[in-house]
N, C-alpha and C. Protein backbone atom coordinates (compact mmCIF):
# COMPACT_ATOMS: atom_id res chain seq x y z
N MET A 1 -17.13 14.46 4.02
CA MET A 1 -18.51 14.95 3.98
C MET A 1 -19.35 14.34 5.11
N ILE A 2 -19.19 13.01 5.31
CA ILE A 2 -19.95 12.31 6.35
C ILE A 2 -19.52 12.82 7.73
N GLU A 3 -18.20 13.09 7.87
CA GLU A 3 -17.67 13.59 9.14
C GLU A 3 -18.34 14.92 9.52
N LYS A 4 -18.50 15.78 8.52
CA LYS A 4 -19.12 17.09 8.75
C LYS A 4 -20.56 16.93 9.23
N LYS A 5 -21.26 15.94 8.66
CA LYS A 5 -22.65 15.67 9.06
C LYS A 5 -22.71 15.23 10.51
N PHE A 6 -21.80 14.32 10.89
CA PHE A 6 -21.74 13.82 12.27
C PHE A 6 -21.45 14.96 13.25
N ILE A 7 -20.46 15.78 12.89
CA ILE A 7 -20.07 16.90 13.74
C ILE A 7 -21.22 17.89 13.91
N LYS A 8 -21.92 18.17 12.80
CA LYS A 8 -23.05 19.10 12.84
C LYS A 8 -24.18 18.56 13.72
N SER A 9 -24.47 17.25 13.59
CA SER A 9 -25.55 16.66 14.40
C SER A 9 -25.20 16.69 15.89
N LYS A 10 -23.92 16.43 16.21
CA LYS A 10 -23.49 16.47 17.61
C LYS A 10 -23.53 17.90 18.17
N LYS A 11 -23.17 18.88 17.33
CA LYS A 11 -23.22 20.29 17.74
C LYS A 11 -24.67 20.72 18.00
N ASP A 12 -25.57 20.26 17.14
CA ASP A 12 -27.00 20.56 17.30
C ASP A 12 -27.54 19.94 18.58
N GLU A 13 -27.13 18.69 18.85
CA GLU A 13 -27.55 17.99 20.08
C GLU A 13 -27.09 18.76 21.32
N LEU A 14 -25.85 19.22 21.30
CA LEU A 14 -25.29 19.98 22.42
C LEU A 14 -26.05 21.29 22.62
N ALA A 15 -26.38 21.96 21.51
CA ALA A 15 -27.13 23.22 21.58
C ALA A 15 -28.52 23.00 22.18
N ILE A 16 -29.18 21.90 21.78
CA ILE A 16 -30.50 21.56 22.30
C ILE A 16 -30.42 21.29 23.81
N LYS A 17 -29.40 20.51 24.22
CA LYS A 17 -29.21 20.18 25.63
C LYS A 17 -28.97 21.43 26.47
N GLU A 18 -28.10 22.33 25.96
CA GLU A 18 -27.80 23.57 26.69
C GLU A 18 -29.04 24.46 26.80
N PHE A 19 -29.82 24.52 25.73
CA PHE A 19 -31.04 25.33 25.72
C PHE A 19 -32.05 24.81 26.74
N ILE A 20 -32.24 23.48 26.78
CA ILE A 20 -33.18 22.87 27.73
C ILE A 20 -32.72 23.12 29.17
N LYS A 21 -31.41 22.98 29.42
CA LYS A 21 -30.87 23.22 30.77
C LYS A 21 -31.11 24.65 31.22
N GLU A 22 -30.89 25.61 30.31
CA GLU A 22 -31.11 27.03 30.62
C GLU A 22 -32.59 27.30 30.86
N ASN A 23 -33.43 26.70 30.01
CA ASN A 23 -34.88 26.92 30.07
C ASN A 23 -35.49 26.37 31.35
N ILE A 24 -35.10 25.16 31.73
CA ILE A 24 -35.66 24.50 32.92
C ILE A 24 -35.07 25.08 34.20
N GLY A 25 -33.79 25.35 34.21
CA GLY A 25 -33.15 25.94 35.39
C GLY A 25 -32.29 24.95 36.15
N LYS A 26 -31.38 25.50 36.96
CA LYS A 26 -30.43 24.71 37.74
C LYS A 26 -31.14 23.93 38.85
N GLY A 27 -30.69 22.71 39.05
CA GLY A 27 -31.20 21.89 40.15
C GLY A 27 -32.46 21.10 39.86
N LYS A 28 -33.01 21.27 38.66
CA LYS A 28 -34.26 20.57 38.33
C LYS A 28 -34.05 19.34 37.48
N LEU A 29 -32.96 19.29 36.71
CA LEU A 29 -32.72 18.12 35.87
C LEU A 29 -31.32 17.57 36.04
N SER A 30 -31.18 16.28 35.76
CA SER A 30 -29.89 15.61 35.91
C SER A 30 -29.16 15.51 34.57
N SER A 31 -29.80 14.82 33.63
CA SER A 31 -29.18 14.66 32.31
C SER A 31 -30.24 14.61 31.21
N ILE A 32 -29.79 14.80 29.98
CA ILE A 32 -30.68 14.78 28.82
C ILE A 32 -30.12 13.82 27.79
N LYS A 33 -30.99 12.99 27.24
CA LYS A 33 -30.60 12.02 26.21
C LYS A 33 -31.45 12.27 24.97
N ILE A 34 -30.81 12.35 23.80
CA ILE A 34 -31.54 12.58 22.55
C ILE A 34 -31.41 11.35 21.66
N GLU A 35 -32.56 10.81 21.26
CA GLU A 35 -32.60 9.65 20.37
C GLU A 35 -33.32 10.04 19.08
N ARG A 36 -32.70 9.69 17.96
CA ARG A 36 -33.33 9.99 16.67
C ARG A 36 -34.09 8.76 16.18
N THR A 37 -35.38 8.93 15.95
CA THR A 37 -36.25 7.84 15.50
C THR A 37 -36.84 8.19 14.13
N PRO A 38 -37.39 7.21 13.40
CA PRO A 38 -38.00 7.53 12.10
C PRO A 38 -39.18 8.52 12.19
N ILE A 39 -39.86 8.50 13.34
CA ILE A 39 -41.01 9.40 13.54
C ILE A 39 -40.55 10.83 13.84
N GLY A 40 -39.45 10.96 14.58
CA GLY A 40 -38.93 12.28 14.97
C GLY A 40 -37.87 12.14 16.04
N GLU A 41 -37.64 13.22 16.76
CA GLU A 41 -36.63 13.22 17.82
C GLU A 41 -37.27 12.93 19.17
N LYS A 42 -36.66 12.02 19.91
CA LYS A 42 -37.13 11.67 21.25
C LYS A 42 -36.12 12.23 22.25
N ILE A 43 -36.59 13.18 23.07
CA ILE A 43 -35.73 13.82 24.06
C ILE A 43 -36.14 13.34 25.45
N ILE A 44 -35.23 12.60 26.11
CA ILE A 44 -35.50 12.05 27.43
C ILE A 44 -34.80 12.92 28.48
N ILE A 45 -35.58 13.45 29.41
CA ILE A 45 -35.05 14.29 30.49
C ILE A 45 -35.10 13.52 31.79
N TYR A 46 -33.94 13.30 32.40
CA TYR A 46 -33.85 12.60 33.68
C TYR A 46 -33.87 13.63 34.81
N THR A 47 -34.79 13.46 35.75
CA THR A 47 -34.95 14.42 36.84
C THR A 47 -35.42 13.77 38.13
N SER A 48 -35.13 14.43 39.25
CA SER A 48 -35.64 13.96 40.54
C SER A 48 -36.92 14.70 40.91
N LYS A 49 -37.25 15.76 40.15
CA LYS A 49 -38.46 16.55 40.39
C LYS A 49 -39.29 16.66 39.10
N PRO A 50 -39.98 15.59 38.71
CA PRO A 50 -40.73 15.63 37.44
C PRO A 50 -41.88 16.63 37.43
N GLY A 51 -42.49 16.86 38.57
CA GLY A 51 -43.62 17.80 38.66
C GLY A 51 -43.25 19.21 38.28
N LEU A 52 -42.03 19.64 38.66
CA LEU A 52 -41.57 21.00 38.34
C LEU A 52 -41.34 21.18 36.84
N ILE A 53 -40.89 20.14 36.16
CA ILE A 53 -40.61 20.22 34.73
C ILE A 53 -41.89 20.14 33.90
N ILE A 54 -42.79 19.22 34.29
CA ILE A 54 -44.04 19.04 33.54
C ILE A 54 -44.93 20.28 33.66
N GLY A 55 -45.04 20.83 34.86
CA GLY A 55 -45.87 22.00 35.08
C GLY A 55 -47.34 21.62 35.23
N ARG A 56 -48.17 22.63 35.42
CA ARG A 56 -49.60 22.40 35.60
C ARG A 56 -50.25 21.93 34.30
N ARG A 57 -50.81 20.73 34.34
CA ARG A 57 -51.47 20.09 33.19
C ARG A 57 -50.55 19.99 31.97
N GLY A 58 -49.25 19.89 32.21
CA GLY A 58 -48.28 19.71 31.12
C GLY A 58 -48.01 20.94 30.28
N GLU A 59 -48.32 22.13 30.83
CA GLU A 59 -48.14 23.39 30.08
C GLU A 59 -46.67 23.66 29.76
N SER A 60 -45.79 23.45 30.75
CA SER A 60 -44.36 23.73 30.56
C SER A 60 -43.76 22.86 29.46
N ILE A 61 -44.16 21.59 29.42
CA ILE A 61 -43.66 20.65 28.40
C ILE A 61 -44.14 21.08 27.01
N GLN A 62 -45.40 21.45 26.89
CA GLN A 62 -45.96 21.88 25.60
C GLN A 62 -45.26 23.14 25.09
N ASP A 63 -45.01 24.09 25.99
CA ASP A 63 -44.32 25.33 25.61
C ASP A 63 -42.90 25.03 25.13
N LEU A 64 -42.21 24.15 25.88
CA LEU A 64 -40.84 23.78 25.53
C LEU A 64 -40.79 23.06 24.18
N THR A 65 -41.78 22.21 23.91
CA THR A 65 -41.85 21.48 22.63
C THR A 65 -42.02 22.44 21.47
N THR A 66 -42.91 23.43 21.60
CA THR A 66 -43.13 24.41 20.52
C THR A 66 -41.89 25.27 20.27
N VAL A 67 -41.20 25.65 21.36
CA VAL A 67 -39.98 26.46 21.23
C VAL A 67 -38.89 25.65 20.53
N LEU A 68 -38.74 24.37 20.89
CA LEU A 68 -37.74 23.49 20.26
C LEU A 68 -38.03 23.32 18.77
N LYS A 69 -39.32 23.20 18.41
CA LYS A 69 -39.72 23.06 17.00
C LYS A 69 -39.29 24.27 16.20
N LYS A 70 -39.55 25.46 16.74
CA LYS A 70 -39.25 26.71 16.03
C LYS A 70 -37.76 27.01 16.00
N LYS A 71 -37.12 26.97 17.18
CA LYS A 71 -35.71 27.39 17.29
C LYS A 71 -34.74 26.45 16.60
N PHE A 72 -34.93 25.13 16.78
CA PHE A 72 -33.99 24.15 16.23
C PHE A 72 -34.54 23.42 15.02
N SER A 73 -35.66 23.87 14.50
CA SER A 73 -36.37 23.29 13.34
C SER A 73 -36.44 21.75 13.41
N LEU A 74 -36.91 21.27 14.55
CA LEU A 74 -37.13 19.83 14.73
C LEU A 74 -38.50 19.48 14.19
N GLU A 75 -38.59 18.34 13.50
CA GLU A 75 -39.85 17.94 12.87
C GLU A 75 -40.92 17.57 13.89
N ASN A 76 -40.61 16.59 14.73
CA ASN A 76 -41.59 16.08 15.67
C ASN A 76 -40.93 15.72 17.00
N PRO A 77 -40.54 16.74 17.81
CA PRO A 77 -39.87 16.41 19.07
C PRO A 77 -40.84 15.88 20.13
N LYS A 78 -40.47 14.73 20.71
CA LYS A 78 -41.28 14.13 21.78
C LYS A 78 -40.47 14.19 23.07
N LEU A 79 -40.99 14.91 24.05
CA LEU A 79 -40.30 15.05 25.34
C LEU A 79 -40.81 14.00 26.31
N GLU A 80 -39.87 13.28 26.92
CA GLU A 80 -40.21 12.23 27.87
C GLU A 80 -39.49 12.51 29.19
N ILE A 81 -40.24 12.44 30.29
CA ILE A 81 -39.65 12.71 31.61
C ILE A 81 -39.45 11.39 32.35
N MET A 82 -38.21 11.15 32.78
CA MET A 82 -37.88 9.95 33.55
C MET A 82 -37.46 10.37 34.96
N GLU A 83 -38.09 9.77 35.96
CA GLU A 83 -37.78 10.12 37.34
C GLU A 83 -36.60 9.30 37.86
N ILE A 84 -35.69 9.98 38.55
CA ILE A 84 -34.54 9.31 39.17
C ILE A 84 -35.01 8.78 40.52
N GLN A 85 -34.85 7.49 40.74
CA GLN A 85 -35.33 6.87 41.97
C GLN A 85 -34.50 7.25 43.19
N ASN A 86 -33.18 7.29 43.04
CA ASN A 86 -32.28 7.65 44.15
C ASN A 86 -31.48 8.90 43.80
N PRO A 87 -32.02 10.10 44.10
CA PRO A 87 -31.28 11.32 43.75
C PRO A 87 -29.97 11.50 44.51
N GLU A 88 -29.81 10.76 45.64
CA GLU A 88 -28.56 10.85 46.42
C GLU A 88 -27.38 10.23 45.68
N PHE A 89 -27.66 9.30 44.75
CA PHE A 89 -26.60 8.66 43.98
C PHE A 89 -26.36 9.36 42.64
N ASP A 90 -27.13 10.39 42.34
CA ASP A 90 -26.96 11.13 41.09
C ASP A 90 -26.08 12.35 41.34
N ALA A 91 -24.87 12.32 40.79
CA ALA A 91 -23.87 13.36 41.05
C ALA A 91 -24.32 14.74 40.59
N GLN A 92 -25.00 14.83 39.44
CA GLN A 92 -25.44 16.13 38.91
C GLN A 92 -26.47 16.79 39.82
N THR A 93 -27.41 16.00 40.33
CA THR A 93 -28.44 16.52 41.25
C THR A 93 -27.79 17.04 42.52
N VAL A 94 -26.84 16.28 43.08
CA VAL A 94 -26.14 16.67 44.31
C VAL A 94 -25.32 17.94 44.07
N ALA A 95 -24.60 18.00 42.95
CA ALA A 95 -23.77 19.17 42.62
C ALA A 95 -24.63 20.43 42.45
N ASP A 96 -25.76 20.30 41.76
CA ASP A 96 -26.67 21.43 41.57
C ASP A 96 -27.27 21.90 42.89
N ASN A 97 -27.63 20.95 43.76
CA ASN A 97 -28.19 21.31 45.07
C ASN A 97 -27.17 22.05 45.93
N ILE A 98 -25.90 21.62 45.88
CA ILE A 98 -24.84 22.30 46.62
C ILE A 98 -24.64 23.71 46.07
N ALA A 99 -24.63 23.83 44.74
CA ALA A 99 -24.46 25.14 44.09
C ALA A 99 -25.60 26.09 44.45
N LEU A 100 -26.83 25.59 44.43
CA LEU A 100 -28.00 26.41 44.80
C LEU A 100 -27.94 26.84 46.26
N SER A 101 -27.50 25.92 47.15
CA SER A 101 -27.36 26.24 48.58
C SER A 101 -26.29 27.31 48.81
N LEU A 102 -25.19 27.23 48.07
CA LEU A 102 -24.13 28.23 48.18
C LEU A 102 -24.61 29.60 47.71
N GLU A 103 -25.41 29.61 46.64
CA GLU A 103 -25.97 30.87 46.13
C GLU A 103 -26.97 31.47 47.11
N ARG A 104 -27.75 30.61 47.76
CA ARG A 104 -28.80 31.08 48.66
C ARG A 104 -28.24 31.53 50.02
N PHE A 105 -27.37 30.70 50.63
CA PHE A 105 -26.89 30.98 51.98
C PHE A 105 -25.52 31.65 52.03
N GLY A 106 -24.87 31.78 50.89
CA GLY A 106 -23.54 32.42 50.85
C GLY A 106 -22.43 31.41 51.05
N SER A 107 -21.23 31.81 50.68
CA SER A 107 -20.08 30.89 50.73
C SER A 107 -19.51 30.74 52.14
N ASP A 108 -19.98 31.53 53.11
CA ASP A 108 -19.49 31.41 54.49
C ASP A 108 -19.84 30.07 55.12
N SER A 109 -21.02 29.54 54.75
CA SER A 109 -21.47 28.27 55.34
C SER A 109 -21.20 27.08 54.40
N PHE A 110 -20.12 27.15 53.64
CA PHE A 110 -19.81 26.10 52.66
C PHE A 110 -19.51 24.75 53.29
N LYS A 111 -18.88 24.76 54.49
CA LYS A 111 -18.54 23.50 55.17
C LYS A 111 -19.81 22.76 55.61
N ILE A 112 -20.76 23.50 56.16
CA ILE A 112 -22.03 22.91 56.61
C ILE A 112 -22.77 22.30 55.43
N ILE A 113 -22.83 23.04 54.32
CA ILE A 113 -23.54 22.58 53.10
C ILE A 113 -22.90 21.30 52.57
N ALA A 114 -21.56 21.28 52.49
CA ALA A 114 -20.85 20.11 51.95
C ALA A 114 -21.00 18.89 52.86
N TYR A 115 -20.85 19.09 54.19
CA TYR A 115 -20.96 17.97 55.12
C TYR A 115 -22.37 17.40 55.18
N ARG A 116 -23.39 18.26 55.05
CA ARG A 116 -24.77 17.78 55.03
C ARG A 116 -25.04 16.92 53.80
N ALA A 117 -24.55 17.37 52.65
CA ALA A 117 -24.70 16.60 51.40
C ALA A 117 -23.98 15.25 51.53
N LEU A 118 -22.79 15.27 52.11
CA LEU A 118 -21.99 14.06 52.30
C LEU A 118 -22.71 13.08 53.22
N GLU A 119 -23.32 13.60 54.28
CA GLU A 119 -24.06 12.78 55.24
C GLU A 119 -25.27 12.10 54.60
N ARG A 120 -25.99 12.86 53.75
CA ARG A 120 -27.16 12.31 53.04
C ARG A 120 -26.75 11.15 52.12
N ILE A 121 -25.64 11.33 51.41
CA ILE A 121 -25.13 10.30 50.49
C ILE A 121 -24.69 9.06 51.28
N LYS A 122 -24.04 9.30 52.41
CA LYS A 122 -23.56 8.21 53.27
C LYS A 122 -24.74 7.40 53.81
N LYS A 123 -25.79 8.08 54.28
CA LYS A 123 -26.98 7.42 54.81
C LYS A 123 -27.72 6.63 53.73
N ALA A 124 -27.66 7.11 52.50
CA ALA A 124 -28.32 6.41 51.38
C ALA A 124 -27.64 5.08 51.07
N GLY A 125 -26.38 4.93 51.47
CA GLY A 125 -25.66 3.66 51.31
C GLY A 125 -24.62 3.63 50.22
N ALA A 126 -24.13 4.79 49.81
CA ALA A 126 -23.09 4.83 48.78
C ALA A 126 -21.78 4.28 49.32
N LEU A 127 -20.97 3.67 48.44
CA LEU A 127 -19.68 3.11 48.85
C LEU A 127 -18.67 4.21 49.15
N GLY A 128 -18.76 5.31 48.42
CA GLY A 128 -17.84 6.42 48.62
C GLY A 128 -18.30 7.66 47.91
N CYS A 129 -17.78 8.81 48.34
CA CYS A 129 -18.15 10.09 47.72
C CYS A 129 -17.04 11.11 47.93
N GLU A 130 -16.92 12.01 46.97
CA GLU A 130 -15.95 13.10 47.07
C GLU A 130 -16.59 14.38 46.56
N ILE A 131 -16.51 15.44 47.36
CA ILE A 131 -17.03 16.76 46.96
C ILE A 131 -15.86 17.72 46.99
N ILE A 132 -15.60 18.39 45.87
CA ILE A 132 -14.52 19.39 45.81
C ILE A 132 -15.14 20.75 45.50
N LEU A 133 -14.91 21.69 46.41
CA LEU A 133 -15.37 23.07 46.21
C LEU A 133 -14.14 23.93 45.96
N SER A 134 -14.13 24.68 44.87
CA SER A 134 -12.98 25.52 44.57
C SER A 134 -13.44 26.90 44.13
N GLY A 135 -12.78 27.91 44.70
CA GLY A 135 -13.12 29.30 44.38
C GLY A 135 -12.86 30.18 45.58
N LYS A 136 -13.48 31.36 45.57
CA LYS A 136 -13.29 32.31 46.67
C LYS A 136 -14.23 31.97 47.82
N LEU A 137 -13.86 30.94 48.54
CA LEU A 137 -14.60 30.56 49.74
C LEU A 137 -13.96 31.32 50.89
N PRO A 138 -14.75 31.86 51.84
CA PRO A 138 -14.39 32.92 52.79
C PRO A 138 -13.09 33.71 52.59
N SER A 139 -11.99 33.04 52.21
CA SER A 139 -10.70 33.75 52.09
C SER A 139 -10.64 34.67 50.88
N GLU A 140 -9.62 35.51 50.86
CA GLU A 140 -9.41 36.45 49.75
C GLU A 140 -8.93 35.71 48.50
N LYS A 141 -8.05 34.74 48.71
CA LYS A 141 -7.51 33.96 47.59
C LYS A 141 -8.43 32.78 47.28
N ALA A 142 -8.44 32.39 46.03
CA ALA A 142 -9.22 31.21 45.63
C ALA A 142 -8.46 29.95 46.05
N ARG A 143 -9.19 29.00 46.61
CA ARG A 143 -8.56 27.74 47.01
C ARG A 143 -9.57 26.61 46.91
N SER A 144 -9.08 25.38 47.07
CA SER A 144 -9.95 24.20 46.97
C SER A 144 -10.11 23.52 48.32
N TRP A 145 -11.33 23.01 48.55
CA TRP A 145 -11.65 22.23 49.74
C TRP A 145 -12.18 20.89 49.30
N ARG A 146 -11.70 19.83 49.95
CA ARG A 146 -12.10 18.46 49.58
C ARG A 146 -12.80 17.79 50.76
N PHE A 147 -14.01 17.28 50.51
CA PHE A 147 -14.78 16.55 51.51
C PHE A 147 -15.02 15.16 50.95
N TYR A 148 -14.71 14.12 51.72
CA TYR A 148 -14.86 12.77 51.17
C TYR A 148 -15.10 11.73 52.26
N PHE A 149 -15.55 10.57 51.82
CA PHE A 149 -15.68 9.40 52.70
C PHE A 149 -15.65 8.15 51.84
N GLY A 150 -15.30 7.02 52.45
CA GLY A 150 -15.40 5.71 51.80
C GLY A 150 -14.40 5.46 50.69
N TYR A 151 -14.81 4.59 49.78
CA TYR A 151 -13.96 4.07 48.71
C TYR A 151 -14.37 4.69 47.39
N LEU A 152 -13.40 5.20 46.63
CA LEU A 152 -13.70 5.84 45.35
C LEU A 152 -12.59 5.55 44.35
N ASN A 153 -12.92 4.84 43.29
CA ASN A 153 -11.92 4.51 42.28
C ASN A 153 -11.76 5.65 41.29
N LYS A 154 -10.51 6.07 41.07
CA LYS A 154 -10.25 7.15 40.11
C LYS A 154 -9.53 6.65 38.87
N THR A 155 -9.12 5.38 38.90
CA THR A 155 -8.46 4.76 37.74
C THR A 155 -8.97 3.34 37.54
N GLY A 156 -8.65 2.78 36.40
CA GLY A 156 -9.01 1.39 36.13
C GLY A 156 -10.40 1.21 35.55
N GLU A 157 -10.84 -0.04 35.50
CA GLU A 157 -12.13 -0.38 34.89
C GLU A 157 -13.31 0.20 35.65
N THR A 158 -13.24 0.19 36.97
CA THR A 158 -14.37 0.65 37.79
C THR A 158 -14.51 2.17 37.81
N LYS A 159 -13.56 2.90 37.19
CA LYS A 159 -13.64 4.36 37.13
C LYS A 159 -14.90 4.79 36.38
N SER A 160 -15.28 4.03 35.34
CA SER A 160 -16.46 4.36 34.55
C SER A 160 -17.76 4.18 35.33
N LEU A 161 -17.72 3.40 36.41
CA LEU A 161 -18.90 3.17 37.24
C LEU A 161 -19.12 4.29 38.26
N VAL A 162 -18.12 5.15 38.44
CA VAL A 162 -18.24 6.27 39.36
C VAL A 162 -19.02 7.38 38.68
N ASN A 163 -20.07 7.85 39.35
CA ASN A 163 -20.93 8.90 38.81
C ASN A 163 -20.32 10.25 39.16
N SER A 164 -19.90 11.02 38.17
CA SER A 164 -19.27 12.31 38.44
C SER A 164 -19.95 13.44 37.68
N ALA A 165 -19.96 14.63 38.29
CA ALA A 165 -20.59 15.80 37.67
C ALA A 165 -19.99 17.08 38.24
N ALA A 166 -20.29 18.19 37.57
CA ALA A 166 -19.80 19.50 38.01
C ALA A 166 -20.91 20.54 37.90
N ALA A 167 -20.83 21.55 38.74
CA ALA A 167 -21.79 22.65 38.71
C ALA A 167 -21.07 23.94 39.10
N VAL A 168 -21.70 25.08 38.83
CA VAL A 168 -21.10 26.38 39.14
C VAL A 168 -22.07 27.19 40.00
N ALA A 169 -21.55 27.73 41.09
CA ALA A 169 -22.35 28.60 41.97
C ALA A 169 -21.83 30.03 41.85
N LYS A 170 -22.73 30.95 41.56
CA LYS A 170 -22.34 32.37 41.45
C LYS A 170 -22.67 33.07 42.76
N THR A 171 -21.65 33.21 43.61
CA THR A 171 -21.83 33.85 44.92
C THR A 171 -21.32 35.30 44.88
N LYS A 172 -21.55 36.07 45.97
CA LYS A 172 -21.12 37.47 46.01
C LYS A 172 -19.61 37.64 45.89
N PRO A 173 -18.79 36.84 46.63
CA PRO A 173 -17.32 37.00 46.48
C PRO A 173 -16.80 36.59 45.10
N GLY A 174 -17.48 35.65 44.45
CA GLY A 174 -17.05 35.17 43.13
C GLY A 174 -17.66 33.83 42.78
N THR A 175 -17.16 33.25 41.71
CA THR A 175 -17.68 31.96 41.24
C THR A 175 -17.05 30.81 42.02
N VAL A 176 -17.90 29.84 42.38
CA VAL A 176 -17.42 28.65 43.10
C VAL A 176 -17.73 27.42 42.26
N GLY A 177 -16.70 26.62 42.00
CA GLY A 177 -16.88 25.39 41.25
C GLY A 177 -17.19 24.23 42.18
N VAL A 178 -18.14 23.40 41.79
CA VAL A 178 -18.54 22.24 42.60
C VAL A 178 -18.33 20.98 41.78
N LYS A 179 -17.50 20.06 42.28
CA LYS A 179 -17.28 18.77 41.62
C LYS A 179 -17.73 17.67 42.57
N VAL A 180 -18.53 16.73 42.05
CA VAL A 180 -19.04 15.64 42.89
C VAL A 180 -18.76 14.31 42.20
N ARG A 181 -18.23 13.36 42.98
CA ARG A 181 -18.03 11.98 42.51
C ARG A 181 -18.69 11.04 43.50
N ILE A 182 -19.56 10.15 43.01
CA ILE A 182 -20.25 9.21 43.88
C ILE A 182 -20.08 7.80 43.36
N MET A 183 -19.75 6.88 44.28
CA MET A 183 -19.67 5.46 43.93
C MET A 183 -20.91 4.78 44.50
N PRO A 184 -21.88 4.40 43.63
CA PRO A 184 -23.12 3.79 44.12
C PRO A 184 -22.91 2.43 44.77
N PRO A 185 -23.87 1.96 45.60
CA PRO A 185 -23.68 0.71 46.33
C PRO A 185 -23.73 -0.56 45.47
N ASP A 186 -24.27 -0.47 44.26
CA ASP A 186 -24.40 -1.66 43.41
C ASP A 186 -23.15 -1.98 42.59
N VAL A 187 -22.08 -1.22 42.77
CA VAL A 187 -20.82 -1.45 42.04
C VAL A 187 -20.11 -2.67 42.62
N ILE A 188 -19.76 -3.63 41.75
CA ILE A 188 -19.03 -4.83 42.18
C ILE A 188 -17.54 -4.57 41.94
N LEU A 189 -16.79 -4.49 43.01
CA LEU A 189 -15.36 -4.20 42.92
C LEU A 189 -14.56 -5.49 42.74
N PRO A 190 -13.54 -5.47 41.85
CA PRO A 190 -12.78 -6.70 41.59
C PRO A 190 -11.92 -7.14 42.79
N ASP A 191 -11.55 -6.21 43.68
CA ASP A 191 -10.70 -6.57 44.82
C ASP A 191 -11.48 -6.86 46.11
N ARG A 192 -12.81 -6.90 46.01
CA ARG A 192 -13.61 -7.19 47.22
C ARG A 192 -13.67 -8.71 47.43
N ILE A 193 -13.34 -9.12 48.63
CA ILE A 193 -13.34 -10.55 48.97
C ILE A 193 -14.42 -10.82 50.02
N GLU A 194 -15.26 -11.80 49.73
CA GLU A 194 -16.29 -12.19 50.68
C GLU A 194 -15.98 -13.57 51.25
N ILE A 195 -15.92 -13.67 52.56
CA ILE A 195 -15.63 -14.94 53.21
C ILE A 195 -16.95 -15.59 53.62
N LYS A 196 -17.18 -16.80 53.12
CA LYS A 196 -18.43 -17.50 53.41
C LYS A 196 -18.23 -18.47 54.59
């Protein structure tokens, strides 16, 4: 019985997150965190563009709160906007920006889009990054392209410190999948040796 309750609450959380993502739109938010408090539900939205989500005089937030109350029968939802200080280290923001660029400029210029994103991340000071684009990029057959630089752990303890995300771009030839992995500069690697 308790298991069913847990599963239902997690399903509801996922539905709320998906609804907010659809409502706000691609490229505007990074992640959503839901906390249950005695007063009500606290929904924290992490974004690099808080002004776009809040809207003029907070109209967008108020509309979203009323819709969440009605649709998901939440008692007292409180929406909180948290700004991401370094959007270059946020994999979801980078993946969404690449997907939006592919939709806007077409899949022919996919190499330019990927290399520009990689350059921005490199200049920001990340230890490593990997961008994988897969789908019908210029060719007739679907294939994958990998763009990367630096150091990126895919196994072991430091794997959890790698920020990874995925996005989907709907282009004219077909759907293109975007996978981004970023290793931020504050990660302390166990095999790094400093000579004093």
